[in-house]
Amino acid sequence: MSTTGEKPGKGVYTCNHCGETVYLDDDSDTLPPCPRCHRTEYSP
């Protein structure tokens, strides 16, 4: 599990609460709060 503010690396992350996906294009990108529900926990 990854949370908002972490830098987990390139990839697609899915919000554990609503299923919204977030794409990180670079290893230095940080996970934002979910754009749909504003929760902070994701699964790769």
PDB file of N, CA and C in Angstrom:
ATOM      1  N   MET A   1       0.849  -1.180   0.000  1.00  0.00           N
ATOM      2  CA  MET A   1       0.000   0.000   0.000  1.00  0.00           C
ATOM      3  C   MET A   1       0.894   1.242   0.000  1.00  0.00           C
ATOM      4  N   SER A   2       0.457   2.259  -0.716  1.00  0.00           N
ATOM      5  CA  SER A   2       1.156   3.537  -0.761  1.00  0.00           C
ATOM      6  C   SER A   2       0.206   4.623  -0.294  1.00  0.00           C
ATOM      7  N   THR A   3       0.758   5.691   0.262  1.00  0.00           N
ATOM      8  CA  THR A   3      -0.085   6.779   0.748  1.00  0.00           C
ATOM      9  C   THR A   3       0.348   8.107   0.141  1.00  0.00           C
ATOM     10  N   THR A   4      -0.551   9.074   0.201  1.00  0.00           N
ATOM     11  CA  THR A   4      -0.290  10.414  -0.305  1.00  0.00           C
ATOM     12  C   THR A   4       1.024  10.943   0.265  1.00  0.00           C
ATOM     13  N   GLY A   5       1.825  11.556  -0.602  1.00  0.00           N
ATOM     14  CA  GLY A   5       3.104  12.126  -0.202  1.00  0.00           C
ATOM     15  C   GLY A   5       4.281  11.209  -0.459  1.00  0.00           C
ATOM     16  N   GLU A   6       4.037   9.920  -0.660  1.00  0.00           N
ATOM     17  CA  GLU A   6       5.121   8.989  -0.951  1.00  0.00           C
ATOM     18  C   GLU A   6       5.515   9.084  -2.421  1.00  0.00           C
ATOM     19  N   LYS A   7       6.710   8.594  -2.715  1.00  0.00           N
ATOM     20  CA  LYS A   7       7.223   8.522  -4.090  1.00  0.00           C
ATOM     21  C   LYS A   7       7.426   7.044  -4.429  1.00  0.00           C
ATOM     22  N   PRO A   8       6.345   6.335  -4.763  1.00  0.00           N
ATOM     23  CA  PRO A   8       6.452   4.889  -4.983  1.00  0.00           C
ATOM     24  C   PRO A   8       7.006   4.489  -6.340  1.00  0.00           C
ATOM     25  N   GLY A   9       7.222   5.442  -7.228  1.00  0.00           N
ATOM     26  CA  GLY A   9       7.766   5.136  -8.549  1.00  0.00           C
ATOM     27  C   GLY A   9       6.715   5.196  -9.636  1.00  0.00           C
ATOM     28  N   LYS A  10       7.172   5.067 -10.881  1.00  0.00           N
ATOM     29  CA  LYS A  10       6.273   5.122 -12.034  1.00  0.00           C
ATOM     30  C   LYS A  10       5.215   4.034 -11.930  1.00  0.00           C
ATOM     31  N   GLY A  11       4.017   4.336 -12.440  1.00  0.00           N
ATOM     32  CA  GLY A  11       2.986   3.310 -12.489  1.00  0.00           C
ATOM     33  C   GLY A  11       1.587   3.850 -12.277  1.00  0.00           C
ATOM     34  N   VAL A  12       0.666   2.920 -12.198  1.00  0.00           N
ATOM     35  CA  VAL A  12      -0.741   3.239 -11.998  1.00  0.00           C
ATOM     36  C   VAL A  12      -1.096   2.824 -10.581  1.00  0.00           C
ATOM     37  N   TYR A  13      -1.731   3.715  -9.852  1.00  0.00           N
ATOM     38  CA  TYR A  13      -2.124   3.454  -8.469  1.00  0.00           C
ATOM     39  C   TYR A  13      -3.634   3.648  -8.349  1.00  0.00           C
ATOM     40  N   THR A  14      -4.270   2.738  -7.635  1.00  0.00           N
ATOM     41  CA  THR A  14      -5.727   2.732  -7.508  1.00  0.00           C
ATOM     42  C   THR A  14      -6.111   3.076  -6.085  1.00  0.00           C
ATOM     43  N   CYS A  15      -7.010   4.039  -5.938  1.00  0.00           N
ATOM     44  CA  CYS A  15      -7.493   4.448  -4.619  1.00  0.00           C
ATOM     45  C   CYS A  15      -8.200   3.263  -3.948  1.00  0.00           C
ATOM     46  N   ASN A  16      -7.834   2.983  -2.706  1.00  0.00           N
ATOM     47  CA  ASN A  16      -8.435   1.871  -1.971  1.00  0.00           C
ATOM     48  C   ASN A  16      -9.893   2.132  -1.610  1.00  0.00           C
ATOM     49  N   HIS A  17     -10.313   3.395  -1.639  1.00  0.00           N
ATOM     50  CA  HIS A  17     -11.686   3.725  -1.235  1.00  0.00           C
ATOM     51  C   HIS A  17     -12.670   3.731  -2.405  1.00  0.00           C
ATOM     52  N   CYS A  18     -12.315   4.447  -3.491  1.00  0.00           N
ATOM     53  CA  CYS A  18     -13.293   4.630  -4.577  1.00  0.00           C
ATOM     54  C   CYS A  18     -12.884   3.985  -5.901  1.00  0.00           C
ATOM     55  N   GLY A  19     -11.630   3.536  -6.018  1.00  0.00           N
ATOM     56  CA  GLY A  19     -11.194   2.885  -7.249  1.00  0.00           C
ATOM     57  C   GLY A  19     -10.652   3.821  -8.319  1.00  0.00           C
ATOM     58  N   GLU A  20     -10.601   5.103  -8.057  1.00  0.00           N
ATOM     59  CA  GLU A  20     -10.026   6.070  -9.001  1.00  0.00           C
ATOM     60  C   GLU A  20      -8.555   5.731  -9.225  1.00  0.00           C
ATOM     61  N   THR A  21      -8.078   5.893 -10.456  1.00  0.00           N
ATOM     62  CA  THR A  21      -6.678   5.607 -10.743  1.00  0.00           C
ATOM     63  C   THR A  21      -5.878   6.897 -10.921  1.00  0.00           C
ATOM     64  N   VAL A  22      -4.633   6.837 -10.470  1.00  0.00           N
ATOM     65  CA  VAL A  22      -3.696   7.943 -10.592  1.00  0.00           C
ATOM     66  C   VAL A  22      -2.469   7.397 -11.303  1.00  0.00           C
ATOM     67  N   TYR A  23      -1.979   8.127 -12.304  1.00  0.00           N
ATOM     68  CA  TYR A  23      -0.807   7.717 -13.074  1.00  0.00           C
ATOM     69  C   TYR A  23       0.384   8.567 -12.662  1.00  0.00           C
ATOM     70  N   LEU A  24       1.471   7.917 -12.283  1.00  0.00           N
ATOM     71  CA  LEU A  24       2.715   8.629 -12.009  1.00  0.00           C
ATOM     72  C   LEU A  24       3.663   8.354 -13.168  1.00  0.00           C
ATOM     73  N   ASP A  25       4.148   9.420 -13.802  1.00  0.00           N
ATOM     74  CA  ASP A  25       4.982   9.314 -14.997  1.00  0.00           C
ATOM     75  C   ASP A  25       6.475   9.288 -14.702  1.00  0.00           C
ATOM     76  N   ASP A  26       6.859   9.642 -13.478  1.00  0.00           N
ATOM     77  CA  ASP A  26       8.273   9.753 -13.163  1.00  0.00           C
ATOM     78  C   ASP A  26       8.521   9.205 -11.755  1.00  0.00           C
ATOM     79  N   ASP A  27       9.719   8.666 -11.546  1.00  0.00           N
ATOM     80  CA  ASP A  27      10.050   8.123 -10.222  1.00  0.00           C
ATOM     81  C   ASP A  27      10.062   9.188  -9.137  1.00  0.00           C
ATOM     82  N   SER A  28      10.184  10.458  -9.505  1.00  0.00           N
ATOM     83  CA  SER A  28      10.224  11.527  -8.500  1.00  0.00           C
ATOM     84  C   SER A  28       8.839  12.107  -8.205  1.00  0.00           C
ATOM     85  N   ASP A  29       7.788  11.633  -8.894  1.00  0.00           N
ATOM     86  CA  ASP A  29       6.428  12.125  -8.642  1.00  0.00           C
ATOM     87  C   ASP A  29       5.912  11.616  -7.296  1.00  0.00           C
ATOM     88  N   THR A  30       5.179  12.470  -6.585  1.00  0.00           N
ATOM     89  CA  THR A  30       4.574  12.047  -5.327  1.00  0.00           C
ATOM     90  C   THR A  30       3.088  11.787  -5.524  1.00  0.00           C
ATOM     91  N   LEU A  31       2.562  10.851  -4.763  1.00  0.00           N
ATOM     92  CA  LEU A  31       1.136  10.544  -4.851  1.00  0.00           C
ATOM     93  C   LEU A  31       0.319  11.692  -4.268  1.00  0.00           C
ATOM     94  N   PRO A  32      -0.667  12.172  -5.015  1.00  0.00           N
ATOM     95  CA  PRO A  32      -1.543  13.222  -4.507  1.00  0.00           C
ATOM     96  C   PRO A  32      -2.703  12.591  -3.740  1.00  0.00           C
ATOM     97  N   PRO A  33      -3.498  13.400  -3.032  1.00  0.00           N
ATOM     98  CA  PRO A  33      -4.756  12.869  -2.516  1.00  0.00           C
ATOM     99  C   PRO A  33      -5.606  12.436  -3.706  1.00  0.00           C
ATOM    100  N   CYS A  34      -6.479  11.481  -3.515  1.00  0.00           N
ATOM    101  CA  CYS A  34      -7.329  11.008  -4.607  1.00  0.00           C
ATOM    102  C   CYS A  34      -8.118  12.172  -5.197  1.00  0.00           C
ATOM    103  N   PRO A  35      -8.090  12.333  -6.536  1.00  0.00           N
ATOM    104  CA  PRO A  35      -8.810  13.441  -7.167  1.00  0.00           C
ATOM    105  C   PRO A  35     -10.329  13.320  -7.041  1.00  0.00           C
ATOM    106  N   ARG A  36     -10.837  12.121  -6.798  1.00  0.00           N
ATOM    107  CA  ARG A  36     -12.280  11.938  -6.694  1.00  0.00           C
ATOM    108  C   ARG A  36     -12.790  12.054  -5.251  1.00  0.00           C
ATOM    109  N   CYS A  37     -12.175  11.292  -4.329  1.00  0.00           N
ATOM    110  CA  CYS A  37     -12.720  11.249  -2.964  1.00  0.00           C
ATOM    111  C   CYS A  37     -11.787  11.859  -1.916  1.00  0.00           C
ATOM    112  N   HIS A  38     -10.587  12.258  -2.323  1.00  0.00           N
ATOM    113  CA  HIS A  38      -9.610  12.928  -1.461  1.00  0.00           C
ATOM    114  C   HIS A  38      -9.041  12.040  -0.361  1.00  0.00           C
ATOM    115  N   ARG A  39      -9.195  10.721  -0.493  1.00  0.00           N
ATOM    116  CA  ARG A  39      -8.577   9.802   0.465  1.00  0.00           C
ATOM    117  C   ARG A  39      -7.095   9.684   0.128  1.00  0.00           C
ATOM    118  N   THR A  40      -6.347   8.952   0.931  1.00  0.00           N
ATOM    119  CA  THR A  40      -4.890   8.980   0.784  1.00  0.00           C
ATOM    120  C   THR A  40      -4.214   7.621   0.650  1.00  0.00           C
ATOM    121  N   GLU A  41      -4.972   6.519   0.532  1.00  0.00           N
ATOM    122  CA  GLU A  41      -4.344   5.207   0.445  1.00  0.00           C
ATOM    123  C   GLU A  41      -4.594   4.571  -0.927  1.00  0.00           C
ATOM    124  N   TYR A  42      -3.506   4.054  -1.492  1.00  0.00           N
ATOM    125  CA  TYR A  42      -3.550   3.468  -2.837  1.00  0.00           C
ATOM    126  C   TYR A  42      -2.937   2.067  -2.853  1.00  0.00           C
ATOM    127  N   SER A  43      -3.358   1.288  -3.830  1.00  0.00           N
ATOM    128  CA  SER A  43      -2.739   0.009  -4.128  1.00  0.00           C
ATOM    129  C   SER A  43      -2.130   0.091  -5.526  1.00  0.00           C
ATOM    130  N   PRO A  44      -0.988  -0.574  -5.734  1.00  0.00           N
ATOM    131  CA  PRO A  44      -0.361  -0.543  -7.071  1.00  0.00           C
ATOM    132  C   PRO A  44      -1.172  -1.322  -8.092  1.00  0.00           C
TER     133      PRO A  44
END
